[in-house]
Amino acid sequence: MPHGVHAVERSLTDSEGKIPPVNASTTAPQTRPGLTLALLALAQFIIAVDFDIVFVALPEIQRDLGFSDQSLQWVISAYTVALGGFLLLGGRAADRLGARRTFIVGLALFGVASLCGGLASDPGVLVSSRAAQGLGGAMLTPATLKLIGLNFAEGPERIRAMAVWGIAGSSGAAVGALGGGVLTNYLGWEWVLWVNVPVAALGLVAVPRLLRADERPTTGVGGFDLPGAVVATLGSTLVVFGLVSGPDEGWGSLRGGGALVVGLALLGVFLLIESRSRDALVPLRMFHNRSLPTAMILVFIFMSTISTQYYLFTDYLQNVLDYSALRTGLAFLPLSILSMLGSGKLVPVMLQRWGMRVTLFVGMFGFGVAMALVSIGMSPDGSYWAVFPGVCLWALSAGIAFPPIYMAASSETPPAEHGVASALASTSQYIGGAVGLAALVAVANAGIGGDSESAPVSDVVDGLQLAGWTGAVAAAAGAFFAFVIKKPTAPAAEPAEETAPVAKDPAAKDEAARTL
């Protein structure tokens, strides 16, 4: 290995958490970095968009395909369950089979599933297609993060790449709501799925030109930890399935609490398998680095609150302010613009001045304050402009917090395990979103019996405010976990070239001086 290149990839920041000078890197030179980053950001963008782009199309989907009120939620939940359940498998595939290969398979699957979903003529086909989209996303997410590490040198170059990736992720949900409203209003619900098809096709054409071929795998199927992969996937899928089903089916039901208990038991079995496996899917020693579990806690709290805030805000616009689907989508436009500003402009500056931990704290705490401001602005006879200050702070804070969370997850982690580290953080993201949505929606509906259409508007607003305040406290308190993250280790200083030895002995010093 060349002098000065470390076997273990160092953090994105130095010992103070600030951007270090660019040194030698294990990454190969990138001839078209702008186009490569655009490709990777686009993949992350469509994954984020597809969480919310279907929301405003649900009424039309229900009318056309004959979904019942109870089964309609699975147009959303099938995507979440598959994405959350298969992330660990996708992360290990990126590490063992190659990030580029995993990226190609994930993007192709996402595109084909989107095409089939738009062509669906019955509920079963659409739900299956959404689940296949989730599987494609579970392969794309860790592969994309690993490819950023492989293609962009440690230091400012990677900071900028992560900022662009953060823009794609943090703005995707807001753009999804806006795009879903526009597409449904003018072209029909099918286009909220078909819009992914040309994007995926363009990405697949660009991959051979922009991404270097993977190195040959060093392990076969036996080194992939197949038993661990199967048990982890089943366990994660059942946990997310139970969390999604619980609010509607009841926590005492087989599909709610039953799936959750079985899923947790399988995850316990998974940990036992990993502790004895010679080639573990998730090496347990990874958790000795406290930055990884801390990042998982942070992303869990962050997503449990921000996912719920999207729901609460949409509910307020449509059920209290009586906004149409198109107008609701347009109301999310400032969120998209300001979240891009937070990730693209503010994050690099804040990382330079304050470091990763303070930047993450500011983003998380700011989002907690934003939830409180939105709650304060809500009222039965209110307006969009009363909540607008909170919406602006929400967008900026989310854009600031998103990239540092994933930086923390890979901090001090060997490059060969970046796929699993990002998959663990992403799994916490989606489980956190399911837990937060189930818990805070239950808080919002507690006073109205779950029927917002027949309840007085004042009761609906009271429930939304209570849920918002609960989320605000959780986000603000969780922000302090940022300071538990380990300060990144500074890269070892390069030894200076020896010119002439300077000895402690005076005579030797004189001799050295004469030599010089």
Protein backbone atom coordinates (compact mmCIF):
# COMPACT_ATOMS: atom_id res chain seq x y z
CA MET A 1 0.00 0.00 0.00
CA PRO A 2 1.45 3.45 -0.88
CA HIS A 3 2.87 5.51 1.94
CA GLY A 4 0.22 7.62 3.71
CA VAL A 5 -2.81 5.58 2.55
CA HIS A 6 -4.56 4.03 5.53
CA ALA A 7 -6.03 0.56 5.58
CA VAL A 8 -9.05 1.86 7.42
CA GLU A 9 -10.79 4.83 5.85
CA ARG A 10 -10.70 7.84 8.17
CA SER A 11 -13.65 10.02 8.98
CA LEU A 12 -14.77 12.80 6.70
CA THR A 13 -13.52 15.26 9.29
CA ASP A 14 -10.48 15.80 11.48
CA SER A 15 -10.21 15.46 15.28
CA GLU A 16 -12.15 18.68 15.77
CA GLY A 17 -14.83 17.49 13.34
CA LYS A 18 -13.83 19.99 10.66
CA ILE A 19 -12.89 19.45 7.05
CA PRO A 20 -9.26 18.34 6.75
CA PRO A 21 -6.92 19.07 3.88
CA VAL A 22 -7.16 16.67 0.99
CA ASN A 23 -4.65 13.85 1.33
CA ALA A 24 -4.03 10.69 -0.61
CA SER A 25 -7.14 8.60 -0.90
CA THR A 26 -8.04 5.06 -1.75
CA THR A 27 -10.49 6.38 -4.32
CA ALA A 28 -9.48 6.29 -7.94
CA PRO A 29 -9.50 9.53 -9.93
CA GLN A 30 -13.01 10.47 -11.08
CA THR A 31 -12.99 11.78 -14.65
CA ARG A 32 -16.61 13.04 -14.67
CA PRO A 33 -17.43 13.70 -11.02
CA GLY A 34 -20.37 16.02 -11.71
CA LEU A 35 -22.24 13.48 -13.86
CA THR A 36 -21.38 10.63 -11.51
CA LEU A 37 -22.72 12.53 -8.52
CA ALA A 38 -25.85 13.48 -10.48
CA LEU A 39 -26.49 9.79 -11.19
CA LEU A 40 -26.07 8.76 -7.54
CA ALA A 41 -28.16 11.67 -6.26
CA LEU A 42 -30.90 10.86 -8.77
CA ALA A 43 -31.14 7.31 -7.45
CA GLN A 44 -31.50 8.58 -3.88
CA PHE A 45 -34.01 11.16 -5.03
CA ILE A 46 -36.45 8.68 -6.61
CA ILE A 47 -36.29 6.49 -3.49
CA ALA A 48 -37.24 9.46 -1.30
CA VAL A 49 -39.87 10.75 -3.75
CA ASP A 50 -41.74 7.45 -3.81
CA PHE A 51 -42.61 7.67 -0.13
CA ASP A 52 -44.94 10.63 -0.64
CA ILE A 53 -45.71 10.85 -4.35
CA VAL A 54 -48.52 8.27 -4.02
CA PHE A 55 -50.29 9.95 -1.06
CA VAL A 56 -52.32 12.49 -3.01
CA ALA A 57 -53.21 9.88 -5.67
CA LEU A 58 -54.78 7.45 -3.16
CA PRO A 59 -58.43 8.58 -3.65
CA GLU A 60 -58.20 8.10 -7.43
CA ILE A 61 -56.40 4.76 -7.02
CA GLN A 62 -59.14 3.58 -4.67
CA ARG A 63 -61.87 4.48 -7.16
CA ASP A 64 -60.14 2.90 -10.17
CA LEU A 65 -58.89 -0.35 -8.62
CA GLY A 66 -61.50 -0.99 -5.95
CA PHE A 67 -59.38 -0.85 -2.80
CA SER A 68 -61.28 -0.97 0.49
CA ASP A 69 -60.69 1.75 3.10
CA GLN A 70 -58.69 -0.74 5.16
CA SER A 71 -56.55 -2.16 2.35
CA LEU A 72 -55.71 1.19 0.72
CA GLN A 73 -52.91 1.87 3.22
CA TRP A 74 -50.90 -0.99 1.68
CA VAL A 75 -50.20 1.08 -1.42
CA ILE A 76 -47.90 3.01 0.94
CA SER A 77 -47.01 0.30 3.44
CA ALA A 78 -45.91 -2.35 0.92
CA TYR A 79 -43.11 -0.02 -0.18
CA THR A 80 -42.05 0.75 3.40
CA VAL A 81 -42.15 -2.88 4.57
CA ALA A 82 -40.04 -4.21 1.69
CA LEU A 83 -37.57 -1.32 1.81
CA GLY A 84 -37.06 -1.59 5.57
CA GLY A 85 -36.92 -5.38 5.58
CA PHE A 86 -34.35 -5.93 2.83
CA LEU A 87 -31.87 -3.13 3.59
CA LEU A 88 -29.38 -5.31 5.47
CA LEU A 89 -29.36 -7.79 2.62
CA GLY A 90 -28.87 -4.94 0.15
CA GLY A 91 -26.02 -3.51 2.21
CA ARG A 92 -24.18 -6.82 2.36
CA ALA A 93 -24.73 -7.33 -1.36
CA ALA A 94 -23.08 -3.96 -2.02
CA ASP A 95 -20.09 -4.96 0.13
CA ARG A 96 -19.66 -8.51 -1.14
CA LEU A 97 -21.00 -8.62 -4.68
CA GLY A 98 -20.05 -5.06 -5.64
CA ALA A 99 -21.71 -1.68 -5.24
CA ARG A 100 -22.01 -1.13 -9.01
CA ARG A 101 -23.66 -4.51 -9.61
CA THR A 102 -26.06 -3.98 -6.73
CA PHE A 103 -26.85 -0.47 -8.00
CA ILE A 104 -27.68 -1.78 -11.50
CA VAL A 105 -29.94 -4.57 -10.24
CA GLY A 106 -31.71 -2.25 -7.78
CA LEU A 107 -32.31 0.48 -10.38
CA ALA A 108 -33.57 -2.01 -12.99
CA LEU A 109 -35.94 -3.60 -10.48
CA PHE A 110 -37.22 -0.19 -9.39
CA GLY A 111 -37.96 0.81 -12.98
CA VAL A 112 -39.70 -2.45 -13.95
CA ALA A 113 -41.78 -2.44 -10.75
CA SER A 114 -42.86 1.17 -11.45
CA LEU A 115 -43.97 0.20 -14.97
CA CYS A 116 -45.96 -2.79 -13.68
CA GLY A 117 -47.55 -0.71 -10.93
CA GLY A 118 -48.83 1.88 -13.41
CA LEU A 119 -50.30 -0.91 -15.56
CA ALA A 120 -52.02 -2.59 -12.58
CA SER A 121 -55.72 -3.34 -12.97
CA ASP A 122 -56.37 -4.83 -9.53
CA PRO A 123 -55.17 -4.13 -5.95
CA GLY A 124 -52.95 -7.21 -5.69
CA VAL A 125 -50.79 -6.27 -8.68
CA LEU A 126 -50.31 -2.71 -7.46
CA VAL A 127 -49.38 -3.75 -3.91
CA SER A 128 -46.95 -6.37 -5.27
CA SER A 129 -45.38 -3.78 -7.56
CA ARG A 130 -44.95 -1.36 -4.67
CA ALA A 131 -43.24 -4.11 -2.66
CA ALA A 132 -40.89 -4.76 -5.61
CA GLN A 133 -40.13 -1.03 -5.72
CA GLY A 134 -39.19 -1.25 -2.03
CA LEU A 135 -36.85 -4.17 -2.72
CA GLY A 136 -35.18 -2.17 -5.49
CA GLY A 137 -34.80 0.77 -3.10
CA ALA A 138 -33.28 -1.52 -0.46
CA MET A 139 -30.53 -2.40 -2.93
CA LEU A 140 -30.04 1.13 -4.23
CA THR A 141 -29.70 2.98 -0.91
CA PRO A 142 -26.57 1.25 0.52
CA ALA A 143 -25.05 0.86 -2.94
CA THR A 144 -25.38 4.60 -3.58
CA LEU A 145 -23.69 5.54 -0.30
CA LYS A 146 -20.88 3.07 -0.90
CA LEU A 147 -20.34 4.39 -4.44
CA ILE A 148 -19.98 7.93 -3.06
CA GLY A 149 -17.17 6.66 -0.83
CA LEU A 150 -15.50 4.87 -3.74
CA ASN A 151 -15.73 7.71 -6.25
CA PHE A 152 -15.09 10.85 -4.18
CA ALA A 153 -11.93 11.49 -2.23
CA GLU A 154 -11.99 11.91 1.51
CA GLY A 155 -12.21 15.54 2.62
CA PRO A 156 -13.94 18.51 0.94
CA GLU A 157 -14.72 16.53 -2.23
CA ARG A 158 -16.70 13.92 -0.32
CA ILE A 159 -18.30 16.58 1.88
CA ARG A 160 -19.70 18.25 -1.23
CA ALA A 161 -20.87 14.90 -2.61
CA MET A 162 -22.65 14.07 0.65
CA ALA A 163 -24.26 17.52 0.65
CA VAL A 164 -25.73 16.89 -2.81
CA TRP A 165 -26.86 13.41 -1.69
CA GLY A 166 -28.48 15.09 1.31
CA ILE A 167 -30.33 17.51 -0.96
CA ALA A 168 -31.72 14.56 -2.91
CA GLY A 169 -32.90 12.76 0.21
CA SER A 170 -34.22 15.68 2.25
CA SER A 171 -36.06 17.33 -0.64
CA GLY A 172 -37.43 14.12 -2.14
CA ALA A 173 -40.43 13.85 0.17
CA ALA A 174 -41.51 17.45 -0.44
CA VAL A 175 -41.06 17.11 -4.21
CA GLY A 176 -43.00 13.84 -4.05
CA ALA A 177 -46.01 15.56 -2.53
CA LEU A 178 -45.85 18.37 -5.10
CA GLY A 179 -45.21 16.07 -8.05
CA GLY A 180 -47.90 13.65 -6.98
CA GLY A 181 -50.46 16.43 -6.89
CA VAL A 182 -49.51 17.78 -10.31
CA LEU A 183 -49.28 14.37 -12.04
CA THR A 184 -52.52 13.08 -10.55
CA ASN A 185 -54.38 16.27 -11.39
CA TYR A 186 -53.29 16.50 -15.04
CA LEU A 187 -52.25 12.99 -16.18
CA GLY A 188 -53.80 10.46 -13.79
CA TRP A 189 -52.56 8.37 -10.88
CA GLU A 190 -50.61 5.96 -13.13
CA TRP A 191 -48.03 8.65 -13.80
CA VAL A 192 -46.93 8.86 -10.16
CA LEU A 193 -45.37 5.44 -10.91
CA TRP A 194 -44.57 5.74 -14.60
CA VAL A 195 -42.49 8.86 -14.02
CA ASN A 196 -39.79 6.57 -12.55
CA VAL A 197 -39.46 4.49 -15.73
CA PRO A 198 -37.56 6.97 -17.96
CA VAL A 199 -35.46 8.04 -14.97
CA ALA A 200 -34.41 4.44 -14.28
CA ALA A 201 -33.74 3.81 -17.98
CA LEU A 202 -31.56 6.91 -18.23
CA GLY A 203 -29.64 5.83 -15.15
CA LEU A 204 -28.99 2.35 -16.51
CA VAL A 205 -27.65 3.81 -19.76
CA ALA A 206 -25.33 6.12 -17.79
CA VAL A 207 -23.90 3.48 -15.42
CA PRO A 208 -21.33 1.92 -17.84
CA ARG A 209 -20.08 5.40 -18.76
CA LEU A 210 -19.80 6.83 -15.24
CA LEU A 211 -19.20 4.03 -12.73
CA ARG A 212 -16.10 1.86 -12.77
CA ALA A 213 -16.55 -1.90 -12.82
CA ASP A 214 -16.50 -3.64 -9.44
CA GLU A 215 -13.53 -5.64 -8.34
CA ARG A 216 -14.02 -9.39 -8.52
CA PRO A 217 -15.77 -10.71 -5.40
CA THR A 218 -13.37 -12.32 -2.97
CA THR A 219 -16.03 -14.55 -1.40
CA GLY A 220 -18.65 -16.90 -2.70
CA VAL A 221 -22.16 -17.55 -1.46
CA GLY A 222 -20.80 -19.27 1.63
CA GLY A 223 -19.07 -16.06 2.68
CA PHE A 224 -22.31 -14.12 2.29
CA ASP A 225 -23.78 -15.53 5.53
CA LEU A 226 -26.94 -16.88 3.90
CA PRO A 227 -28.61 -18.04 7.17
CA GLY A 228 -28.03 -14.61 8.74
CA ALA A 229 -29.32 -12.87 5.61
CA VAL A 230 -32.55 -14.91 5.55
CA VAL A 231 -33.27 -14.50 9.28
CA ALA A 232 -32.40 -10.75 9.29
CA THR A 233 -34.62 -10.10 6.27
CA LEU A 234 -37.57 -12.03 7.73
CA GLY A 235 -37.14 -10.39 11.14
CA SER A 236 -36.81 -6.84 9.79
CA THR A 237 -39.74 -7.31 7.41
CA LEU A 238 -42.03 -8.65 10.16
CA VAL A 239 -41.06 -5.83 12.54
CA VAL A 240 -41.91 -3.17 9.96
CA PHE A 241 -45.04 -5.11 8.91
CA GLY A 242 -46.23 -5.27 12.52
CA LEU A 243 -45.57 -1.59 13.14
CA VAL A 244 -47.45 -0.61 9.98
CA SER A 245 -50.37 -2.99 10.67
CA GLY A 246 -50.75 -2.33 14.40
CA PRO A 247 -52.66 0.97 14.31
CA ASP A 248 -55.36 -0.41 11.98
CA GLU A 249 -55.46 -4.11 12.88
CA GLY A 250 -54.92 -3.61 16.62
CA TRP A 251 -51.78 -4.33 18.62
CA GLY A 252 -53.32 -7.54 19.94
CA SER A 253 -53.91 -8.91 16.43
CA LEU A 254 -51.79 -11.48 14.62
CA ARG A 255 -50.85 -8.97 11.88
CA GLY A 256 -50.00 -6.24 14.40
CA GLY A 257 -48.52 -7.36 17.72
CA GLY A 258 -48.05 -10.97 16.54
CA ALA A 259 -45.86 -10.00 13.59
CA LEU A 260 -43.94 -7.57 15.78
CA VAL A 261 -43.19 -10.20 18.46
CA VAL A 262 -42.13 -12.83 15.92
CA GLY A 263 -39.98 -10.28 14.08
CA LEU A 264 -38.19 -9.22 17.27
CA ALA A 265 -37.62 -12.88 18.18
CA LEU A 266 -36.09 -13.53 14.76
CA LEU A 267 -33.80 -10.51 15.18
CA GLY A 268 -32.67 -12.04 18.48
CA VAL A 269 -31.90 -15.28 16.64
CA PHE A 270 -30.05 -13.21 14.04
CA LEU A 271 -27.77 -11.73 16.72
CA LEU A 272 -27.05 -15.25 17.98
CA ILE A 273 -26.16 -16.38 14.46
CA GLU A 274 -23.90 -13.36 13.95
CA SER A 275 -22.06 -13.96 17.23
CA ARG A 276 -21.09 -17.44 16.01
CA SER A 277 -20.64 -16.80 12.30
CA ARG A 278 -17.15 -16.75 10.85
CA ASP A 279 -18.27 -14.38 8.11
CA ALA A 280 -21.15 -12.43 9.62
CA LEU A 281 -23.68 -10.38 7.66
CA VAL A 282 -23.35 -7.69 10.35
CA PRO A 283 -20.11 -8.18 12.33
CA LEU A 284 -21.03 -7.36 15.93
CA ARG A 285 -17.64 -5.69 16.43
CA MET A 286 -18.98 -2.83 14.30
CA PHE A 287 -21.00 -1.72 17.33
CA HIS A 288 -17.79 -1.22 19.35
CA ASN A 289 -17.51 2.05 17.41
CA ARG A 290 -20.07 4.09 19.35
CA SER A 291 -20.67 6.45 16.42
CA LEU A 292 -22.61 3.75 14.53
CA PRO A 293 -25.21 2.87 17.22
CA THR A 294 -25.50 6.56 18.14
CA ALA A 295 -26.18 7.46 14.50
CA MET A 296 -28.80 4.70 14.40
CA ILE A 297 -30.54 6.20 17.46
CA LEU A 298 -30.39 9.68 15.95
CA VAL A 299 -31.81 8.65 12.59
CA PHE A 300 -34.54 6.66 14.37
CA ILE A 301 -35.63 9.74 16.35
CA PHE A 302 -35.23 12.09 13.41
CA MET A 303 -37.29 10.00 11.00
CA SER A 304 -39.94 9.10 13.59
CA THR A 305 -40.65 12.82 13.98
CA ILE A 306 -40.15 14.12 10.44
CA SER A 307 -42.24 11.35 8.83
CA THR A 308 -45.06 12.17 11.23
CA GLN A 309 -44.72 15.89 10.56
CA TYR A 310 -45.40 15.29 6.85
CA TYR A 311 -48.54 13.39 7.81
CA LEU A 312 -49.70 16.00 10.33
CA PHE A 313 -49.09 18.87 7.93
CA THR A 314 -50.91 17.13 5.07
CA ASP A 315 -53.82 16.34 7.39
CA TYR A 316 -53.98 19.99 8.50
CA LEU A 317 -53.96 21.33 4.94
CA GLN A 318 -56.63 18.95 3.63
CA ASN A 319 -58.93 18.35 6.61
CA VAL A 320 -58.71 21.76 8.32
CA LEU A 321 -57.84 24.26 5.59
CA ASP A 322 -59.73 22.20 2.97
CA TYR A 323 -56.91 22.25 0.38
CA SER A 324 -57.22 20.22 -2.84
CA ALA A 325 -54.58 17.63 -3.81
CA LEU A 326 -52.91 20.08 -6.21
CA ARG A 327 -52.93 22.95 -3.72
CA THR A 328 -51.56 20.64 -1.02
CA GLY A 329 -48.71 19.64 -3.31
CA LEU A 330 -47.91 23.28 -4.07
CA ALA A 331 -47.84 24.02 -0.33
CA PHE A 332 -44.81 21.72 -0.07
CA LEU A 333 -42.80 23.68 -2.66
CA PRO A 334 -41.03 25.93 -0.08
CA LEU A 335 -40.04 22.78 1.80
CA SER A 336 -38.28 21.44 -1.25
CA ILE A 337 -36.43 24.67 -2.03
CA LEU A 338 -35.30 25.39 1.53
CA SER A 339 -34.24 21.82 2.27
CA MET A 340 -32.00 22.00 -0.81
CA LEU A 341 -30.54 25.23 0.54
CA GLY A 342 -29.91 23.61 3.93
CA SER A 343 -28.10 20.58 2.52
CA GLY A 344 -26.32 22.23 -0.40
CA LYS A 345 -25.25 25.60 1.02
CA LEU A 346 -25.39 25.53 4.80
CA VAL A 347 -24.06 22.03 5.59
CA PRO A 348 -20.57 22.48 4.03
CA VAL A 349 -20.12 25.86 5.76
CA MET A 350 -21.33 24.55 9.13
CA LEU A 351 -19.14 21.45 8.92
CA GLN A 352 -16.15 23.66 8.18
CA ARG A 353 -16.81 25.99 11.12
CA TRP A 354 -18.41 23.79 13.76
CA GLY A 355 -17.78 20.15 12.84
CA MET A 356 -20.08 17.20 12.35
CA ARG A 357 -21.46 16.89 15.89
CA VAL A 358 -22.51 20.53 16.31
CA THR A 359 -23.96 20.63 12.78
CA LEU A 360 -26.04 17.56 13.50
CA PHE A 361 -27.21 18.99 16.84
CA VAL A 362 -28.27 22.27 15.21
CA GLY A 363 -30.26 20.44 12.53
CA MET A 364 -32.04 18.11 14.96
CA PHE A 365 -32.77 20.75 17.60
CA GLY A 366 -33.89 23.22 14.93
CA PHE A 367 -36.35 20.67 13.60
CA GLY A 368 -37.79 20.21 17.11
CA VAL A 369 -38.31 23.98 17.35
CA ALA A 370 -39.89 23.94 13.88
CA MET A 371 -42.46 21.31 14.92
CA ALA A 372 -43.38 23.50 17.88
CA LEU A 373 -43.78 26.57 15.65
CA VAL A 374 -46.02 24.69 13.21
CA SER A 375 -48.16 23.48 16.13
CA ILE A 376 -48.47 27.03 17.48
CA GLY A 377 -49.58 28.28 14.04
CA MET A 378 -52.39 25.73 13.68
CA SER A 379 -55.96 26.83 14.45
CA PRO A 380 -59.50 25.92 13.29
CA ASP A 381 -59.78 29.14 11.29
CA GLY A 382 -56.08 29.45 10.50
CA SER A 383 -54.13 29.94 7.29
CA TYR A 384 -51.06 28.58 5.56
CA TRP A 385 -49.12 31.74 6.39
CA ALA A 386 -49.59 31.20 10.13
CA VAL A 387 -47.58 27.98 9.94
CA PHE A 388 -45.20 29.23 7.24
CA PRO A 389 -42.36 30.32 9.64
CA GLY A 390 -42.34 26.84 11.15
CA VAL A 391 -42.41 25.26 7.69
CA CYS A 392 -39.33 27.29 6.66
CA LEU A 393 -37.36 26.28 9.75
CA TRP A 394 -38.53 22.68 9.30
CA ALA A 395 -37.12 22.59 5.75
CA LEU A 396 -33.79 24.21 6.61
CA SER A 397 -33.26 22.04 9.69
CA ALA A 398 -34.11 18.80 7.91
CA GLY A 399 -31.68 19.68 5.12
CA ILE A 400 -28.95 20.40 7.68
CA ALA A 401 -29.48 17.24 9.74
CA PHE A 402 -29.77 14.64 6.99
CA PRO A 403 -26.17 14.40 5.63
CA PRO A 404 -24.29 14.44 9.01
CA ILE A 405 -26.36 11.51 10.33
CA TYR A 406 -25.05 9.26 7.57
CA MET A 407 -21.55 10.68 7.90
CA ALA A 408 -21.63 9.65 11.55
CA ALA A 409 -22.78 6.13 10.64
CA SER A 410 -19.71 5.54 8.45
CA SER A 411 -17.29 7.42 10.69
CA GLU A 412 -14.36 5.20 11.72
CA THR A 413 -15.88 2.28 9.77
CA PRO A 414 -13.67 0.29 7.36
CA PRO A 415 -14.56 0.91 3.69
CA ALA A 416 -15.35 -2.79 3.21
CA GLU A 417 -18.22 -2.42 5.70
CA HIS A 418 -19.66 0.92 4.58
CA GLY A 419 -22.54 -0.84 2.81
CA VAL A 420 -23.65 -2.59 6.01
CA ALA A 421 -23.17 0.57 8.11
CA SER A 422 -25.36 2.62 5.78
CA ALA A 423 -27.91 -0.21 5.64
CA LEU A 424 -28.10 -0.31 9.46
CA ALA A 425 -28.68 3.45 9.57
CA SER A 426 -31.27 3.23 6.79
CA THR A 427 -33.06 0.35 8.55
CA SER A 428 -33.29 2.54 11.67
CA GLN A 429 -34.62 5.32 9.44
CA TYR A 430 -37.54 3.30 8.10
CA ILE A 431 -38.36 1.52 11.36
CA GLY A 432 -38.23 4.90 13.09
CA GLY A 433 -40.62 6.32 10.53
CA ALA A 434 -43.07 3.46 11.10
CA VAL A 435 -42.84 3.71 14.91
CA GLY A 436 -43.18 7.49 14.95
CA LEU A 437 -46.11 7.48 12.56
CA ALA A 438 -47.95 4.81 14.55
CA ALA A 439 -47.34 6.51 17.90
CA LEU A 440 -47.93 10.15 17.01
CA VAL A 441 -50.92 9.52 14.75
CA ALA A 442 -52.45 7.62 17.69
CA VAL A 443 -51.82 10.73 19.84
CA ALA A 444 -53.42 12.97 17.21
CA ASN A 445 -56.51 10.75 16.93
CA ALA A 446 -56.93 10.01 20.65
CA GLY A 447 -59.51 12.73 21.21
CA ILE A 448 -61.58 12.13 18.06
CA GLY A 449 -61.94 8.35 18.02
CA GLY A 450 -59.90 8.06 14.83
CA ASP A 451 -62.61 9.68 12.67
CA SER A 452 -61.34 13.07 11.54
CA GLU A 453 -64.15 13.57 8.98
CA SER A 454 -67.00 13.66 11.53
CA ALA A 455 -65.09 15.20 14.44
CA PRO A 456 -65.27 18.96 15.16
CA VAL A 457 -62.47 20.88 13.48
CA SER A 458 -61.32 22.23 16.84
CA ASP A 459 -60.80 18.67 18.14
CA VAL A 460 -58.84 17.74 15.01
CA VAL A 461 -56.56 20.74 15.48
CA ASP A 462 -56.09 19.94 19.19
CA GLY A 463 -54.98 16.42 18.28
CA LEU A 464 -52.60 17.63 15.58
CA GLN A 465 -51.08 20.17 17.97
CA LEU A 466 -50.61 17.61 20.74
CA ALA A 467 -48.88 15.21 18.35
CA GLY A 468 -46.73 18.07 17.04
CA TRP A 469 -45.65 19.10 20.52
CA THR A 470 -44.83 15.49 21.41
CA GLY A 471 -42.66 15.17 18.31
CA ALA A 472 -41.01 18.54 19.01
CA VAL A 473 -39.91 17.41 22.48
CA ALA A 474 -38.60 14.08 21.11
CA ALA A 475 -36.58 15.76 18.33
CA ALA A 476 -35.11 18.46 20.57
CA ALA A 477 -34.17 15.96 23.30
CA GLY A 478 -32.75 13.50 20.77
CA ALA A 479 -30.49 16.22 19.34
CA PHE A 480 -28.22 15.92 22.38
CA PHE A 481 -27.23 12.40 21.28
CA ALA A 482 -25.11 14.15 18.64
CA PHE A 483 -22.50 14.82 21.32
CA VAL A 484 -22.23 11.09 22.10
CA ILE A 485 -20.76 10.51 18.63
CA LYS A 486 -17.06 9.86 18.84
CA LYS A 487 -14.83 12.71 17.72
CA PRO A 488 -13.35 11.56 14.41
CA THR A 489 -9.76 10.42 14.55
CA ALA A 490 -7.30 12.76 12.89
CA PRO A 491 -5.28 11.18 10.07
CA ALA A 492 -1.77 10.26 11.13
CA ALA A 493 0.81 12.88 10.25
CA GLU A 494 3.17 11.99 7.46
CA PRO A 495 6.75 11.58 8.72
CA ALA A 496 9.10 14.21 7.39
CA GLU A 497 12.01 13.15 5.23
CA GLU A 498 15.23 12.82 7.15
CA THR A 499 17.91 15.23 5.99
CA ALA A 500 20.57 15.13 8.66
CA PRO A 501 20.27 13.54 12.10
CA VAL A 502 20.37 15.91 15.04
CA ALA A 503 21.68 14.09 18.07
CA LYS A 504 21.37 15.05 21.70
CA ASP A 505 25.13 15.00 22.12
CA PRO A 506 26.69 18.52 21.60
CA ALA A 507 29.50 17.16 19.48
CA ALA A 508 27.07 15.35 17.26
CA LYS A 509 25.06 18.59 16.92
CA ASP A 510 28.18 20.42 15.74
CA GLU A 511 28.92 17.67 13.25
CA ALA A 512 25.36 17.82 11.94
CA ALA A 513 25.64 21.60 11.58
CA ARG A 514 28.83 21.26 9.58
CA THR A 515 27.15 18.65 7.38
CA LEU A 516 24.25 21.04 6.66
